[in-house]
Amino acid sequence: MPRTPPTWSPHPGFARAFAKAVPEMDRRGAGRHRRELLAPATGTVVEVGSGAGSSFPHYPPAVTRVVAVEPDPYLRGLSEQAAGRAPVPVQVRSGLAEDLPVADGAADVVVASLVLCSATDQEQALREFRRVLRPGGALLFYEHVRSEHPLLAGVEDLVTPLWRRMAGNCHPNRDTLAVIRDGGFRVVGVRRFGFAPASLGPPLAHILGAAVVGGDETPS
């Protein structure tokens, strides 16, 4: 039976607000996180949810090509501008995490940077990541996730219904690392840390790491 195509609705107000917030996020530490995330990348990379192209300057010389997938028209335009300044070749395409416009086994690396929080269907997105990765390929991930503190996690549960409507379907209470593991990936390295993207905001739980398809997990 054919799979129902995923649906997605643009969030133009949030897209513009997010693009304006990115420089401050990067100054506060997100830029360093992106460099750390991308340091092991090699070969052909599929970056899912490229946003304003903030990751492009941090790709190392070992990367030969980046296919950047971004559904939002406004952010995709910013990605296209940033692609012209990138140190490696970048092609920007329209598409969703759940339905990547990339052939099977075409990628050496998939990059998910602050995108799985807003994916409509995280499990389907992970299936797509596996589909486009070649055997032995890697998923590099940098995401904000549900707090391990019960009280803070409860607050995140309370604010998620309103926040996701205001913030482009962003869910602050997702246990994304568990979804990655349940999606058939073996985590080979991860660190968890608190990070406040804005000066007046509280530190949020983040994860940054790498995973490969299948096998026994490396203790973290």
C-alpha atoms as a PDB file:
ATOM      1  CA  MET A   1       0.000   0.000   0.000  1.00  0.00           C
ATOM      2  CA  PRO A   2       1.542   3.377  -0.959  1.00  0.00           C
ATOM      3  CA  ARG A   3       2.623   5.627   1.899  1.00  0.00           C
ATOM      4  CA  THR A   4       0.597   8.801   2.413  1.00  0.00           C
ATOM      5  CA  PRO A   5       2.803  11.780   1.483  1.00  0.00           C
ATOM      6  CA  PRO A   6       3.701  13.932   4.507  1.00  0.00           C
ATOM      7  CA  THR A   7       2.020  17.282   4.864  1.00  0.00           C
ATOM      8  CA  TRP A   8       3.655  20.544   5.878  1.00  0.00           C
ATOM      9  CA  SER A   9       2.412  24.111   6.291  1.00  0.00           C
ATOM     10  CA  PRO A  10       4.680  27.161   6.114  1.00  0.00           C
ATOM     11  CA  HIS A  11       5.149  29.354   9.192  1.00  0.00           C
ATOM     12  CA  PRO A  12       6.321  32.642   7.625  1.00  0.00           C
ATOM     13  CA  GLY A  13       6.340  34.674  10.839  1.00  0.00           C
ATOM     14  CA  PHE A  14       8.381  32.114  12.713  1.00  0.00           C
ATOM     15  CA  ALA A  15      10.757  31.598   9.779  1.00  0.00           C
ATOM     16  CA  ARG A  16      11.649  35.298   9.751  1.00  0.00           C
ATOM     17  CA  ALA A  17      11.944  35.460  13.546  1.00  0.00           C
ATOM     18  CA  PHE A  18      14.175  32.394  13.570  1.00  0.00           C
ATOM     19  CA  ALA A  19      16.453  33.810  10.873  1.00  0.00           C
ATOM     20  CA  LYS A  20      16.862  37.019  12.881  1.00  0.00           C
ATOM     21  CA  ALA A  21      17.649  35.046  16.042  1.00  0.00           C
ATOM     22  CA  VAL A  22      20.344  32.847  14.488  1.00  0.00           C
ATOM     23  CA  PRO A  23      23.266  35.338  14.744  1.00  0.00           C
ATOM     24  CA  GLU A  24      22.688  35.757  18.484  1.00  0.00           C
ATOM     25  CA  MET A  25      22.342  31.989  18.914  1.00  0.00           C
ATOM     26  CA  ASP A  26      25.649  31.490  17.113  1.00  0.00           C
ATOM     27  CA  ARG A  27      27.398  34.126  19.244  1.00  0.00           C
ATOM     28  CA  ARG A  28      26.146  32.433  22.390  1.00  0.00           C
ATOM     29  CA  GLY A  29      27.584  29.067  21.361  1.00  0.00           C
ATOM     30  CA  ALA A  30      25.528  27.514  18.564  1.00  0.00           C
ATOM     31  CA  GLY A  31      28.280  28.369  16.063  1.00  0.00           C
ATOM     32  CA  ARG A  32      30.795  26.344  18.095  1.00  0.00           C
ATOM     33  CA  HIS A  33      28.288  23.513  18.355  1.00  0.00           C
ATOM     34  CA  ARG A  34      27.857  23.457  14.565  1.00  0.00           C
ATOM     35  CA  ARG A  35      31.618  23.304  14.029  1.00  0.00           C
ATOM     36  CA  GLU A  36      31.887  20.414  16.474  1.00  0.00           C
ATOM     37  CA  LEU A  37      28.955  18.646  14.824  1.00  0.00           C
ATOM     38  CA  LEU A  38      30.349  18.898  11.303  1.00  0.00           C
ATOM     39  CA  ALA A  39      34.034  18.227  12.025  1.00  0.00           C
ATOM     40  CA  PRO A  40      33.777  14.483  11.161  1.00  0.00           C
ATOM     41  CA  ALA A  41      31.714  15.017   7.982  1.00  0.00           C
ATOM     42  CA  THR A  42      33.138  13.654   4.724  1.00  0.00           C
ATOM     43  CA  GLY A  43      32.050  13.016   1.141  1.00  0.00           C
ATOM     44  CA  THR A  44      28.452  13.720   0.127  1.00  0.00           C
ATOM     45  CA  VAL A  45      26.344  15.261   2.889  1.00  0.00           C
ATOM     46  CA  VAL A  46      22.568  15.647   3.047  1.00  0.00           C
ATOM     47  CA  GLU A  47      21.704  18.442   5.470  1.00  0.00           C
ATOM     48  CA  VAL A  48      18.079  18.231   6.575  1.00  0.00           C
ATOM     49  CA  GLY A  49      16.410  21.529   7.418  1.00  0.00           C
ATOM     50  CA  SER A  50      19.225  23.872   6.425  1.00  0.00           C
ATOM     51  CA  GLY A  51      17.328  26.949   7.627  1.00  0.00           C
ATOM     52  CA  ALA A  52      19.274  30.110   6.865  1.00  0.00           C
ATOM     53  CA  GLY A  53      22.385  28.151   5.878  1.00  0.00           C
ATOM     54  CA  SER A  54      24.088  28.747   9.215  1.00  0.00           C
ATOM     55  CA  SER A  55      25.953  25.445   9.076  1.00  0.00           C
ATOM     56  CA  PHE A  56      27.459  26.008   5.633  1.00  0.00           C
ATOM     57  CA  PRO A  57      30.583  27.948   6.769  1.00  0.00           C
ATOM     58  CA  HIS A  58      31.558  25.100   9.100  1.00  0.00           C
ATOM     59  CA  TYR A  59      31.828  22.246   6.590  1.00  0.00           C
ATOM     60  CA  PRO A  60      35.386  20.837   6.509  1.00  0.00           C
ATOM     61  CA  PRO A  61      37.398  20.311   3.293  1.00  0.00           C
ATOM     62  CA  ALA A  62      36.755  16.556   3.446  1.00  0.00           C
ATOM     63  CA  VAL A  63      33.165  17.268   2.359  1.00  0.00           C
ATOM     64  CA  THR A  64      32.873  17.146  -1.426  1.00  0.00           C
ATOM     65  CA  ARG A  65      29.202  18.122  -1.786  1.00  0.00           C
ATOM     66  CA  VAL A  66      26.253  19.187   0.350  1.00  0.00           C
ATOM     67  CA  VAL A  67      22.615  18.680  -0.616  1.00  0.00           C
ATOM     68  CA  ALA A  68      20.725  21.070   1.663  1.00  0.00           C
ATOM     69  CA  VAL A  69      16.995  20.345   2.054  1.00  0.00           C
ATOM     70  CA  GLU A  70      14.735  23.103   3.383  1.00  0.00           C
ATOM     71  CA  PRO A  71      10.900  23.226   3.138  1.00  0.00           C
ATOM     72  CA  ASP A  72      10.306  26.867   4.062  1.00  0.00           C
ATOM     73  CA  PRO A  73      10.502  29.222   1.047  1.00  0.00           C
ATOM     74  CA  TYR A  74      11.890  32.162   3.018  1.00  0.00           C
ATOM     75  CA  LEU A  75      14.582  30.140   4.782  1.00  0.00           C
ATOM     76  CA  ARG A  76      15.366  28.282   1.572  1.00  0.00           C
ATOM     77  CA  GLY A  77      16.093  31.627  -0.094  1.00  0.00           C
ATOM     78  CA  LEU A  78      18.519  32.484   2.698  1.00  0.00           C
ATOM     79  CA  SER A  79      20.153  29.068   2.313  1.00  0.00           C
ATOM     80  CA  GLU A  80      20.601  29.705  -1.398  1.00  0.00           C
ATOM     81  CA  GLN A  81      22.342  33.006  -0.634  1.00  0.00           C
ATOM     82  CA  ALA A  82      24.570  31.353   1.983  1.00  0.00           C
ATOM     83  CA  ALA A  83      25.428  28.526  -0.427  1.00  0.00           C
ATOM     84  CA  GLY A  84      27.286  30.994  -2.633  1.00  0.00           C
ATOM     85  CA  ARG A  85      29.624  31.828   0.259  1.00  0.00           C
ATOM     86  CA  ALA A  86      30.161  28.255   1.484  1.00  0.00           C
ATOM     87  CA  PRO A  87      33.654  26.711   1.441  1.00  0.00           C
ATOM     88  CA  VAL A  88      32.274  23.544  -0.208  1.00  0.00           C
ATOM     89  CA  PRO A  89      29.747  23.029  -3.053  1.00  0.00           C
ATOM     90  CA  VAL A  90      26.168  23.331  -1.738  1.00  0.00           C
ATOM     91  CA  GLN A  91      22.973  22.596  -3.665  1.00  0.00           C
ATOM     92  CA  VAL A  92      19.747  23.744  -1.995  1.00  0.00           C
ATOM     93  CA  ARG A  93      16.546  21.777  -2.630  1.00  0.00           C
ATOM     94  CA  SER A  94      12.944  21.989  -1.474  1.00  0.00           C
ATOM     95  CA  GLY A  95      11.846  19.009   0.582  1.00  0.00           C
ATOM     96  CA  LEU A  96      10.844  17.543   3.930  1.00  0.00           C
ATOM     97  CA  ALA A  97      12.707  15.420   6.457  1.00  0.00           C
ATOM     98  CA  GLU A  98      10.015  12.783   5.963  1.00  0.00           C
ATOM     99  CA  ASP A  99      10.343  12.763   2.163  1.00  0.00           C
ATOM    100  CA  LEU A 100      13.887  13.683   1.130  1.00  0.00           C
ATOM    101  CA  PRO A 101      14.500  14.483  -2.570  1.00  0.00           C
ATOM    102  CA  VAL A 102      17.605  12.268  -2.556  1.00  0.00           C
ATOM    103  CA  ALA A 103      18.270   8.836  -4.073  1.00  0.00           C
ATOM    104  CA  ASP A 104      18.713   5.696  -2.000  1.00  0.00           C
ATOM    105  CA  GLY A 105      22.235   5.328  -0.595  1.00  0.00           C
ATOM    106  CA  ALA A 106      23.413   8.635  -2.050  1.00  0.00           C
ATOM    107  CA  ALA A 107      24.781  10.158   1.172  1.00  0.00           C
ATOM    108  CA  ASP A 108      27.898   9.469   3.195  1.00  0.00           C
ATOM    109  CA  VAL A 109      26.514  11.657   5.991  1.00  0.00           C
ATOM    110  CA  VAL A 110      23.108  13.003   7.005  1.00  0.00           C
ATOM    111  CA  VAL A 111      23.116  16.131   9.172  1.00  0.00           C
ATOM    112  CA  ALA A 112      20.130  16.989  11.388  1.00  0.00           C
ATOM    113  CA  SER A 113      20.737  20.297  13.154  1.00  0.00           C
ATOM    114  CA  LEU A 114      17.875  21.705  15.245  1.00  0.00           C
ATOM    115  CA  VAL A 115      15.322  20.137  12.919  1.00  0.00           C
ATOM    116  CA  LEU A 116      13.921  16.963  14.495  1.00  0.00           C
ATOM    117  CA  CYS A 117      12.160  19.030  17.140  1.00  0.00           C
ATOM    118  CA  SER A 118       9.811  20.278  14.417  1.00  0.00           C
ATOM    119  CA  ALA A 119       9.526  17.270  12.094  1.00  0.00           C
ATOM    120  CA  THR A 120       5.896  16.239  11.653  1.00  0.00           C
ATOM    121  CA  ASP A 121       6.817  12.547  11.938  1.00  0.00           C
ATOM    122  CA  GLN A 122      10.165  11.849  13.609  1.00  0.00           C
ATOM    123  CA  GLU A 123       9.995   8.110  12.975  1.00  0.00           C
ATOM    124  CA  GLN A 124       9.426   8.588   9.245  1.00  0.00           C
ATOM    125  CA  ALA A 125      12.243  11.141   9.140  1.00  0.00           C
ATOM    126  CA  LEU A 126      14.621   8.556  10.645  1.00  0.00           C
ATOM    127  CA  ARG A 127      13.493   6.011   8.050  1.00  0.00           C
ATOM    128  CA  GLU A 128      14.339   8.539   5.334  1.00  0.00           C
ATOM    129  CA  PHE A 129      17.758   9.190   6.873  1.00  0.00           C
ATOM    130  CA  ARG A 130      18.467   5.467   6.764  1.00  0.00           C
ATOM    131  CA  ARG A 131      17.235   5.219   3.185  1.00  0.00           C
ATOM    132  CA  VAL A 132      19.524   7.910   1.782  1.00  0.00           C
ATOM    133  CA  LEU A 133      22.616   6.815   3.734  1.00  0.00           C
ATOM    134  CA  ARG A 134      25.076   4.445   2.087  1.00  0.00           C
ATOM    135  CA  PRO A 135      26.147   1.351   4.086  1.00  0.00           C
ATOM    136  CA  GLY A 136      28.458   2.581   6.835  1.00  0.00           C
ATOM    137  CA  GLY A 137      27.219   6.165   6.547  1.00  0.00           C
ATOM    138  CA  ALA A 138      26.658   8.368   9.587  1.00  0.00           C
ATOM    139  CA  LEU A 139      23.946  10.567  11.062  1.00  0.00           C
ATOM    140  CA  LEU A 140      25.300  13.693  12.773  1.00  0.00           C
ATOM    141  CA  PHE A 141      22.729  15.278  15.094  1.00  0.00           C
ATOM    142  CA  TYR A 142      22.440  18.464  17.175  1.00  0.00           C
ATOM    143  CA  GLU A 143      19.051  18.911  18.814  1.00  0.00           C
ATOM    144  CA  HIS A 144      17.335  20.381  21.835  1.00  0.00           C
ATOM    145  CA  VAL A 145      15.500  17.678  23.775  1.00  0.00           C
ATOM    146  CA  ARG A 146      13.264  16.952  26.749  1.00  0.00           C
ATOM    147  CA  SER A 147      14.798  17.810  30.114  1.00  0.00           C
ATOM    148  CA  GLU A 148      15.923  15.003  32.402  1.00  0.00           C
ATOM    149  CA  HIS A 149      14.680  17.054  35.376  1.00  0.00           C
ATOM    150  CA  PRO A 150      11.084  15.908  36.109  1.00  0.00           C
ATOM    151  CA  LEU A 151       9.809  19.391  37.009  1.00  0.00           C
ATOM    152  CA  LEU A 152      11.286  21.045  33.916  1.00  0.00           C
ATOM    153  CA  ALA A 153      10.072  18.192  31.736  1.00  0.00           C
ATOM    154  CA  GLY A 154       6.572  18.729  33.121  1.00  0.00           C
ATOM    155  CA  VAL A 155       6.742  22.416  32.230  1.00  0.00           C
ATOM    156  CA  GLU A 156       7.860  21.490  28.708  1.00  0.00           C
ATOM    157  CA  ASP A 157       4.864  19.188  28.387  1.00  0.00           C
ATOM    158  CA  LEU A 158       2.566  22.018  29.452  1.00  0.00           C
ATOM    159  CA  VAL A 159       3.932  24.615  27.036  1.00  0.00           C
ATOM    160  CA  THR A 160       4.364  22.330  24.006  1.00  0.00           C
ATOM    161  CA  PRO A 161       0.796  22.601  22.593  1.00  0.00           C
ATOM    162  CA  LEU A 162       0.984  26.409  22.454  1.00  0.00           C
ATOM    163  CA  TRP A 163       4.669  26.635  21.577  1.00  0.00           C
ATOM    164  CA  ARG A 164       4.420  24.304  18.587  1.00  0.00           C
ATOM    165  CA  ARG A 165       1.701  26.514  17.101  1.00  0.00           C
ATOM    166  CA  MET A 166       3.800  29.644  17.629  1.00  0.00           C
ATOM    167  CA  ALA A 167       7.183  28.198  16.673  1.00  0.00           C
ATOM    168  CA  GLY A 168       6.846  26.240  13.468  1.00  0.00           C
ATOM    169  CA  ASN A 169       5.831  22.917  15.077  1.00  0.00           C
ATOM    170  CA  CYS A 170       8.815  22.950  17.458  1.00  0.00           C
ATOM    171  CA  HIS A 171       8.303  20.486  20.351  1.00  0.00           C
ATOM    172  CA  PRO A 172      10.453  21.272  23.430  1.00  0.00           C
ATOM    173  CA  ASN A 173       9.510  17.959  25.087  1.00  0.00           C
ATOM    174  CA  ARG A 174      10.722  15.397  22.528  1.00  0.00           C
ATOM    175  CA  ASP A 175      13.089  12.610  23.586  1.00  0.00           C
ATOM    176  CA  THR A 176      14.867  12.706  20.234  1.00  0.00           C
ATOM    177  CA  LEU A 177      17.813  10.537  21.270  1.00  0.00           C
ATOM    178  CA  ALA A 178      15.431   7.681  22.070  1.00  0.00           C
ATOM    179  CA  VAL A 179      13.758   8.109  18.681  1.00  0.00           C
ATOM    180  CA  ILE A 180      17.156   7.941  16.950  1.00  0.00           C
ATOM    181  CA  ARG A 181      17.978   4.723  18.794  1.00  0.00           C
ATOM    182  CA  ASP A 182      14.550   3.228  18.130  1.00  0.00           C
ATOM    183  CA  GLY A 183      14.896   4.217  14.463  1.00  0.00           C
ATOM    184  CA  GLY A 184      17.580   1.610  13.864  1.00  0.00           C
ATOM    185  CA  PHE A 185      20.616   3.770  14.547  1.00  0.00           C
ATOM    186  CA  ARG A 186      23.544   2.877  16.798  1.00  0.00           C
ATOM    187  CA  VAL A 187      24.796   5.904  18.720  1.00  0.00           C
ATOM    188  CA  VAL A 188      28.595   6.008  18.567  1.00  0.00           C
ATOM    189  CA  GLY A 189      29.060   9.235  20.498  1.00  0.00           C
ATOM    190  CA  VAL A 190      26.829  11.786  22.197  1.00  0.00           C
ATOM    191  CA  ARG A 191      27.140  14.527  24.764  1.00  0.00           C
ATOM    192  CA  ARG A 192      24.296  16.220  26.593  1.00  0.00           C
ATOM    193  CA  PHE A 193      24.521  19.816  27.785  1.00  0.00           C
ATOM    194  CA  GLY A 194      22.471  22.851  28.713  1.00  0.00           C
ATOM    195  CA  PHE A 195      22.380  25.804  26.337  1.00  0.00           C
ATOM    196  CA  ALA A 196      20.353  29.031  26.356  1.00  0.00           C
ATOM    197  CA  PRO A 197      19.884  30.213  22.750  1.00  0.00           C
ATOM    198  CA  ALA A 198      18.723  33.668  23.924  1.00  0.00           C
ATOM    199  CA  SER A 199      20.014  35.889  26.714  1.00  0.00           C
ATOM    200  CA  LEU A 200      16.700  35.969  28.580  1.00  0.00           C
ATOM    201  CA  GLY A 201      15.861  32.300  28.078  1.00  0.00           C
ATOM    202  CA  PRO A 202      16.638  29.391  30.402  1.00  0.00           C
ATOM    203  CA  PRO A 203      19.239  26.748  29.473  1.00  0.00           C
ATOM    204  CA  LEU A 204      17.597  23.965  27.503  1.00  0.00           C
ATOM    205  CA  ALA A 205      18.811  20.369  27.274  1.00  0.00           C
ATOM    206  CA  HIS A 206      20.696  19.706  24.034  1.00  0.00           C
ATOM    207  CA  ILE A 207      22.362  16.651  22.518  1.00  0.00           C
ATOM    208  CA  LEU A 208      25.182  16.558  19.978  1.00  0.00           C
ATOM    209  CA  GLY A 209      26.564  13.349  18.542  1.00  0.00           C
ATOM    210  CA  ALA A 210      26.814  10.744  15.813  1.00  0.00           C
ATOM    211  CA  ALA A 211      25.101   7.466  14.949  1.00  0.00           C
ATOM    212  CA  VAL A 212      25.373   4.744  12.326  1.00  0.00           C
ATOM    213  CA  VAL A 213      22.854   2.219  11.118  1.00  0.00           C
ATOM    214  CA  GLY A 214      22.498  -0.950  13.227  1.00  0.00           C
ATOM    215  CA  GLY A 215      24.950  -2.856  15.419  1.00  0.00           C
ATOM    216  CA  ASP A 216      25.790  -2.624  19.113  1.00  0.00           C
ATOM    217  CA  GLU A 217      25.828   0.824  20.660  1.00  0.00           C
ATOM    218  CA  THR A 218      29.003   2.411  21.952  1.00  0.00           C
ATOM    219  CA  PRO A 219      28.627   3.324  25.665  1.00  0.00           C
ATOM    220  CA  SER A 220      28.314   7.098  26.147  1.00  0.00           C
END
